[in-house]
């Protein structure tokens, strides 16, 4: 085909579409495979197939769907794979389920926008990745302690190697080697340039290969990532439960916003009512007054003061200008 294996994998999962001569060659290849499929013997496996990490591509319905039906269809196609991807990013089963549910709750709140998006699955995946890799989860009591690792030793080694990667490199590795996106799509989803994305991918692969040399081959790494994610029983909630939770959360935040607005209006009205209507100059600071004699304690009266006191006492009894209360 003249392209990398990751590109063919992206065609098979429906993430991208070939164009031009590649489209004609790929169509001829599929026609030959379909023609020879009837003559090929059926191959049976003793073990169950490994669920893919990438989201399957939903087919276009024959009749128009209601918003709830379209949301449920998107959730049924994408949620199982997204939970496995979030588990590879975080190493936590409960956080993986919570990330996917929160992403779909936000998608239901913004469903007109998501429904018109060219890639609704990519929109939900990017939202789930952002929530799963948020650094604020480390402050939550339920996520302070690590969860039990996988039971098998190879799976534990691979999960430990993944969690040692920085979040941007871990996300790039899961998108490119796990989901099967090509380099430009991975760069667009991680909001980085193509050279930066390629550098992150090379460093992530080198780190994994240094710890696990048997995973130096990208195809083997892709297979082991799918096996690691499929060994855990990760199930998401039902679509009606997610939609109900989204509507309940939207009502709660709407009421909280209304209550905050009412409180803000009441506080503003009270401030306007009690605020002064004219300018009041500030009271100046006190100053020291000079020339005032110091206060002295009472002492013995002088002769003049004694005479004045006697005169006042006599006038209080005799004089007509004063009144003296009588005690009965």
Protein backbone atom coordinates (compact mmCIF):
# COMPACT_ATOMS: atom_id res chain seq x y z
CA UNK A 1 0.00 0.00 0.00
CA UNK A 2 2.98 2.32 0.40
CA UNK A 3 1.91 3.58 3.84
CA UNK A 4 2.74 2.72 7.44
CA UNK A 5 0.88 0.05 9.36
CA UNK A 6 -0.59 2.67 11.68
CA UNK A 7 -2.23 4.37 8.69
CA UNK A 8 -3.82 1.12 7.54
CA UNK A 9 -4.99 0.50 11.09
CA UNK A 10 -6.59 3.94 11.11
CA UNK A 11 -8.39 3.08 7.85
CA UNK A 12 -9.66 -0.18 9.29
CA UNK A 13 -10.97 1.47 12.46
CA UNK A 14 -12.66 4.24 10.48
CA UNK A 15 -10.59 7.07 11.93
CA UNK A 16 -9.33 8.26 8.53
CA UNK A 17 -10.26 7.65 4.90
CA UNK A 18 -7.77 6.98 2.06
CA UNK A 19 -7.78 9.30 -0.94
CA UNK A 20 -6.61 9.25 -4.53
CA UNK A 21 -4.52 6.31 -5.67
CA UNK A 22 -4.32 4.94 -2.13
CA UNK A 23 -8.10 4.78 -2.05
CA UNK A 24 -8.19 2.86 -5.33
CA UNK A 25 -5.50 0.45 -4.17
CA UNK A 26 -7.20 -0.08 -0.83
CA UNK A 27 -10.56 -0.67 -2.53
CA UNK A 28 -8.98 -3.26 -4.85
CA UNK A 29 -7.38 -4.98 -1.86
CA UNK A 30 -10.68 -5.18 -0.01
CA UNK A 31 -12.42 -6.51 -3.13
CA UNK A 32 -9.81 -9.26 -3.51
CA UNK A 33 -10.11 -10.17 0.15
CA UNK A 34 -13.89 -10.29 -0.11
CA UNK A 35 -13.68 -12.50 -3.22
CA UNK A 36 -11.27 -14.94 -1.63
CA UNK A 37 -12.99 -15.00 1.76
CA UNK A 38 -15.47 -17.61 0.58
CA UNK A 39 -12.67 -20.03 -0.38
CA UNK A 40 -10.70 -19.59 2.85
CA UNK A 41 -11.22 -22.02 5.75
CA UNK A 42 -12.77 -20.71 8.94
CA UNK A 43 -10.23 -20.20 11.71
CA UNK A 44 -11.31 -20.84 15.26
CA UNK A 45 -9.55 -19.67 18.40
CA UNK A 46 -9.55 -21.30 21.80
CA UNK A 47 -9.57 -17.97 23.60
CA UNK A 48 -11.84 -14.99 23.27
CA UNK A 49 -10.63 -12.17 21.00
CA UNK A 50 -9.02 -9.17 22.59
CA UNK A 51 -11.33 -6.13 22.47
CA UNK A 52 -9.78 -3.33 20.43
CA UNK A 53 -8.71 -0.11 22.05
CA UNK A 54 -10.07 2.04 19.24
CA UNK A 55 -13.72 2.98 19.03
CA UNK A 56 -15.72 1.23 16.29
CA UNK A 57 -17.23 3.43 13.66
CA UNK A 58 -21.04 3.56 13.87
CA UNK A 59 -23.01 3.04 10.69
CA UNK A 60 -25.39 5.68 9.38
CA UNK A 61 -28.98 4.87 10.44
CA UNK A 62 -31.68 4.39 7.83
CA UNK A 63 -34.13 6.65 9.67
CA UNK A 64 -33.37 9.86 11.59
CA UNK A 65 -32.72 9.38 15.28
CA UNK A 66 -33.87 11.49 18.18
CA UNK A 67 -31.17 13.26 20.21
CA UNK A 68 -31.48 10.65 22.99
CA UNK A 69 -31.22 7.77 20.52
CA UNK A 70 -28.21 9.31 18.79
CA UNK A 71 -26.51 9.88 22.13
CA UNK A 72 -27.20 6.31 23.24
CA UNK A 73 -25.79 4.98 19.97
CA UNK A 74 -22.61 7.04 20.35
CA UNK A 75 -22.27 5.92 23.95
CA UNK A 76 -22.75 2.25 23.09
CA UNK A 77 -20.09 2.42 20.37
CA UNK A 78 -17.46 4.47 22.21
CA UNK A 79 -17.84 3.97 25.97
CA UNK A 80 -16.34 0.45 26.32
CA UNK A 81 -13.17 1.33 24.40
CA UNK A 82 -12.86 4.72 26.12
CA UNK A 83 -12.97 3.12 29.56
CA UNK A 84 -10.09 0.82 28.59
CA UNK A 85 -8.09 3.74 27.21
CA UNK A 86 -8.68 5.80 30.36
CA UNK A 87 -7.50 2.85 32.44
CA UNK A 88 -4.21 2.81 30.53
CA UNK A 89 -3.83 6.54 31.17
CA UNK A 90 -4.53 6.46 34.91
CA UNK A 91 -4.10 2.90 36.16
CA UNK A 92 -7.32 3.39 38.17
CA UNK A 93 -10.49 1.50 37.35
CA UNK A 94 -12.94 3.80 39.13
CA UNK A 95 -11.34 6.95 37.72
CA UNK A 96 -11.49 5.48 34.21
CA UNK A 97 -15.24 4.89 34.48
CA UNK A 98 -15.80 8.30 36.07
CA UNK A 99 -13.82 10.06 33.33
CA UNK A 100 -15.88 8.49 30.55
CA UNK A 101 -19.17 9.19 32.32
CA UNK A 102 -18.25 12.84 32.94
CA UNK A 103 -17.19 13.25 29.31
CA UNK A 104 -20.51 11.89 28.06
CA UNK A 105 -22.44 13.98 30.58
CA UNK A 106 -20.74 17.08 29.20
CA UNK A 107 -21.45 15.85 25.67
CA UNK A 108 -25.16 15.51 26.47
CA UNK A 109 -25.24 19.04 27.90
CA UNK A 110 -23.66 20.32 24.66
CA UNK A 111 -25.31 17.81 22.37
CA UNK A 112 -26.19 20.27 19.55
CA UNK A 113 -22.52 21.17 19.33
CA UNK A 114 -21.29 17.59 19.62
CA UNK A 115 -23.83 16.23 17.13
CA UNK A 116 -22.62 18.67 14.45
CA UNK A 117 -18.96 17.92 15.11
CA UNK A 118 -17.06 16.07 12.38
CA UNK A 119 -15.80 13.54 14.91
CA UNK A 120 -18.11 13.21 17.94
CA UNK A 121 -16.12 10.22 19.22
CA UNK A 122 -12.94 12.28 19.14
CA UNK A 123 -14.68 15.12 20.99
CA UNK A 124 -15.73 12.78 23.78
CA UNK A 125 -12.34 11.06 23.85
CA UNK A 126 -10.46 14.35 24.24
CA UNK A 127 -12.78 15.39 27.07
CA UNK A 128 -12.37 12.06 28.85
CA UNK A 129 -8.58 12.23 28.52
CA UNK A 130 -8.47 15.76 29.94
CA UNK A 131 -10.55 14.74 32.95
CA UNK A 132 -8.60 11.52 33.54
CA UNK A 133 -5.22 13.28 33.46
CA UNK A 134 -6.28 16.24 35.61
CA UNK A 135 -3.70 16.83 38.38
CA UNK A 136 -6.45 17.76 40.88
CA UNK A 137 -7.38 14.10 41.40
CA UNK A 138 -4.36 13.65 43.65
CA UNK A 139 -6.02 15.85 46.30
CA UNK A 140 -9.19 13.75 46.43
CA UNK A 141 -9.25 11.39 49.44
CA UNK A 142 -10.45 8.42 47.41
CA UNK A 143 -7.53 8.69 44.97
CA UNK A 144 -4.67 9.32 47.40
CA UNK A 145 -3.74 5.65 47.57
CA UNK A 146 -2.96 3.49 44.50
CA UNK A 147 -5.33 0.75 43.41
CA UNK A 148 -4.33 -2.92 43.32
CA UNK A 149 -2.15 -3.60 40.24
CA UNK A 150 -3.01 -6.22 37.61
CA UNK A 151 -2.71 -9.84 38.65
CA UNK A 152 -0.17 -10.96 36.00
CA UNK A 153 3.46 -9.94 36.36
CA UNK A 154 3.87 -8.80 32.68
CA UNK A 155 0.77 -6.65 32.99
CA UNK A 156 2.05 -5.12 36.21
CA UNK A 157 5.38 -4.32 34.59
CA UNK A 158 3.72 -2.68 31.58
CA UNK A 159 1.32 -0.65 33.74
CA UNK A 160 4.20 0.52 35.95
CA UNK A 161 6.16 1.57 32.86
CA UNK A 162 3.15 3.49 31.52
CA UNK A 163 2.52 5.32 34.78
CA UNK A 164 6.16 6.41 34.94
CA UNK A 165 5.75 8.32 31.68
CA UNK A 166 4.83 12.01 31.86
CA UNK A 167 1.12 12.55 31.08
CA UNK A 168 1.71 14.15 27.62
CA UNK A 169 3.92 11.24 26.48
CA UNK A 170 1.56 8.68 27.97
CA UNK A 171 -1.39 10.23 26.16
CA UNK A 172 0.52 10.35 22.88
CA UNK A 173 1.55 6.71 23.21
CA UNK A 174 -1.99 5.53 23.92
CA UNK A 175 -3.42 7.51 21.00
CA UNK A 176 -0.79 6.44 18.47
CA UNK A 177 0.12 2.89 19.47
CA UNK A 178 -3.09 2.03 21.30
CA UNK A 179 -5.96 3.70 19.45
CA UNK A 180 -4.18 3.76 16.10
CA UNK A 181 -4.35 7.44 15.16
CA UNK A 182 -1.80 8.77 12.73
CA UNK A 183 0.71 11.42 13.73
CA UNK A 184 -1.20 14.53 12.54
CA UNK A 185 -4.40 13.38 14.26
CA UNK A 186 -2.52 12.63 17.46
CA UNK A 187 -0.90 16.06 17.31
CA UNK A 188 -4.26 17.75 16.76
CA UNK A 189 -5.92 15.91 19.65
CA UNK A 190 -3.06 16.60 22.06
CA UNK A 191 -2.90 20.26 20.91
CA UNK A 192 0.76 20.04 19.93
CA UNK A 193 2.75 20.36 16.74
CA UNK A 194 3.63 17.31 14.70
CA UNK A 195 7.38 17.44 15.52
CA UNK A 196 6.64 17.75 19.23
CA UNK A 197 4.22 14.82 19.04
CA UNK A 198 6.78 12.69 17.20
CA UNK A 199 9.38 13.56 19.82
CA UNK A 200 7.02 12.58 22.63
CA UNK A 201 6.22 9.29 20.91
CA UNK A 202 9.88 8.41 20.37
CA UNK A 203 10.78 9.17 23.99
CA UNK A 204 7.78 7.18 25.27
CA UNK A 205 8.70 4.18 23.13
CA UNK A 206 12.33 4.41 24.22
CA UNK A 207 11.32 4.49 27.88
CA UNK A 208 9.05 1.48 27.47
CA UNK A 209 11.70 -0.43 25.50
CA UNK A 210 14.35 0.34 28.13
CA UNK A 211 12.19 -1.22 30.84
CA UNK A 212 10.61 -3.94 28.69
CA UNK A 213 12.89 -4.82 25.74
CA UNK A 214 10.36 -7.28 24.32
CA UNK A 215 8.03 -4.32 23.56
CA UNK A 216 10.45 -2.48 21.29
CA UNK A 217 8.33 -3.53 18.29
CA UNK A 218 5.34 -1.13 17.84
CA UNK A 219 3.05 -3.97 16.74
CA UNK A 220 3.87 -5.97 19.85
CA UNK A 221 3.38 -2.88 21.98
CA UNK A 222 -0.05 -2.33 20.43
CA UNK A 223 -1.04 -5.93 21.12
CA UNK A 224 0.15 -5.78 24.72
CA UNK A 225 -1.69 -2.51 25.35
CA UNK A 226 -4.91 -4.07 24.09
CA UNK A 227 -4.37 -7.16 26.24
CA UNK A 228 -3.61 -5.11 29.34
CA UNK A 229 -6.78 -3.07 28.95
CA UNK A 230 -8.93 -6.14 28.23
CA UNK A 231 -7.82 -8.11 31.31
CA UNK A 232 -9.72 -5.78 33.64
CA UNK A 233 -13.50 -5.91 33.90
CA UNK A 234 -14.23 -2.30 33.11
CA UNK A 235 -17.85 -1.47 32.49
CA UNK A 236 -19.48 1.89 32.07
CA UNK A 237 -22.94 2.88 33.23
CA UNK A 238 -26.01 2.62 31.04
CA UNK A 239 -26.76 5.50 28.65
CA UNK A 240 -30.03 6.54 30.39
CA UNK A 241 -28.17 6.74 33.70
CA UNK A 242 -25.55 9.01 32.16
CA UNK A 243 -28.16 11.25 30.58
CA UNK A 244 -30.11 11.48 33.85
CA UNK A 245 -26.95 12.32 35.77
CA UNK A 246 -26.06 15.00 33.23
CA UNK A 247 -29.49 16.62 33.51
CA UNK A 248 -29.38 16.46 37.32
CA UNK A 249 -25.94 18.06 37.35
CA UNK A 250 -27.09 20.78 34.94
CA UNK A 251 -30.10 21.57 37.15
CA UNK A 252 -27.91 21.75 40.24
CA UNK A 253 -25.44 24.20 38.72
CA UNK A 254 -28.27 26.26 37.23
CA UNK A 255 -29.93 26.62 40.62
CA UNK A 256 -26.57 27.40 42.23
CA UNK A 257 -25.95 30.12 39.65
CA UNK A 258 -29.42 31.59 40.26
CA UNK A 259 -28.90 31.56 44.04
CA UNK A 260 -25.50 33.21 43.68
CA UNK A 261 -26.97 35.88 41.39
CA UNK A 262 -29.81 36.59 43.83
CA UNK A 263 -27.34 36.86 46.72
CA UNK A 264 -25.16 39.21 44.70
CA UNK A 265 -28.14 41.40 43.81
CA UNK A 266 -29.27 41.49 47.46
CA UNK A 267 -25.79 42.43 48.66
CA UNK A 268 -25.57 45.19 46.05
CA UNK A 269 -28.99 46.57 47.02
CA UNK A 270 -28.08 46.56 50.72
CA UNK A 271 -24.82 48.36 49.98
CA UNK A 272 -26.63 51.02 47.94
CA UNK A 273 -29.24 51.46 50.70
CA UNK A 274 -26.76 51.87 53.56
CA UNK A 275 -24.02 53.77 51.73
CA UNK A 276 -23.60 57.53 52.57
CA UNK A 277 -25.19 60.00 50.16
CA UNK A 278 -22.71 62.86 50.68
CA UNK A 279 -19.07 63.30 51.28
CA UNK A 280 -17.93 63.09 54.88
CA UNK A 281 -14.42 64.44 55.47
CA UNK A 282 -12.25 62.23 57.59
CA UNK A 283 -11.64 63.20 61.22
CA UNK A 284 -8.14 64.70 61.55
CA UNK A 285 -5.69 63.22 63.94
CA UNK A 286 -5.33 64.82 67.39
CA UNK A 287 -2.71 67.50 68.07
CA UNK A 288 -0.88 68.48 71.25
CA UNK A 289 -2.16 71.81 72.77
CA UNK A 290 0.50 74.02 74.29
CA UNK A 291 0.11 76.29 77.39
CA UNK A 292 -2.48 74.27 79.33
CA UNK A 293 -1.44 73.78 82.95
CA UNK A 294 -1.19 70.23 84.08
CA UNK A 295 -4.02 68.76 86.11
CA UNK A 296 -3.29 68.59 89.82
CA UNK A 297 -4.81 66.55 92.59
CA UNK A 298 -7.17 68.30 95.15
CA UNK A 299 -5.45 69.74 98.25
CA UNK A 300 -6.29 71.94 101.28
CA UNK A 301 -8.45 75.05 100.62
CA UNK A 302 -7.09 78.52 101.01
CA UNK A 303 -8.70 81.14 103.30
CA UNK A 304 -10.50 82.75 100.36
CA UNK A 305 -11.85 79.43 99.21
CA UNK A 306 -13.04 78.55 102.72
CA UNK A 307 -14.84 81.90 103.00
CA UNK A 308 -16.46 81.40 99.58
CA UNK A 309 -17.66 77.96 100.55
CA UNK A 310 -19.24 79.26 103.76
CA UNK A 311 -20.94 82.08 101.88
CA UNK A 312 -22.40 79.69 99.31
CA UNK A 313 -23.71 77.38 101.98
CA UNK A 314 -25.44 80.26 103.77
CA UNK A 315 -27.02 81.60 100.56
CA UNK A 316 -28.30 78.17 99.69
CA UNK A 317 -30.43 78.21 102.86
CA UNK A 318 -31.37 81.93 103.09
CA UNK A 319 -31.28 83.34 99.62
CA UNK A 320 -34.47 83.51 97.51
CA UNK A 321 -32.63 82.75 94.28
CA UNK A 322 -31.94 79.11 95.18
CA UNK A 323 -34.14 76.23 96.15
CA UNK A 324 -33.21 73.55 98.57
CA UNK A 325 -34.94 70.17 98.39
CA UNK A 326 -36.59 69.04 101.56
CA UNK A 327 -36.30 65.46 102.63
CA UNK A 328 -39.48 64.07 104.16
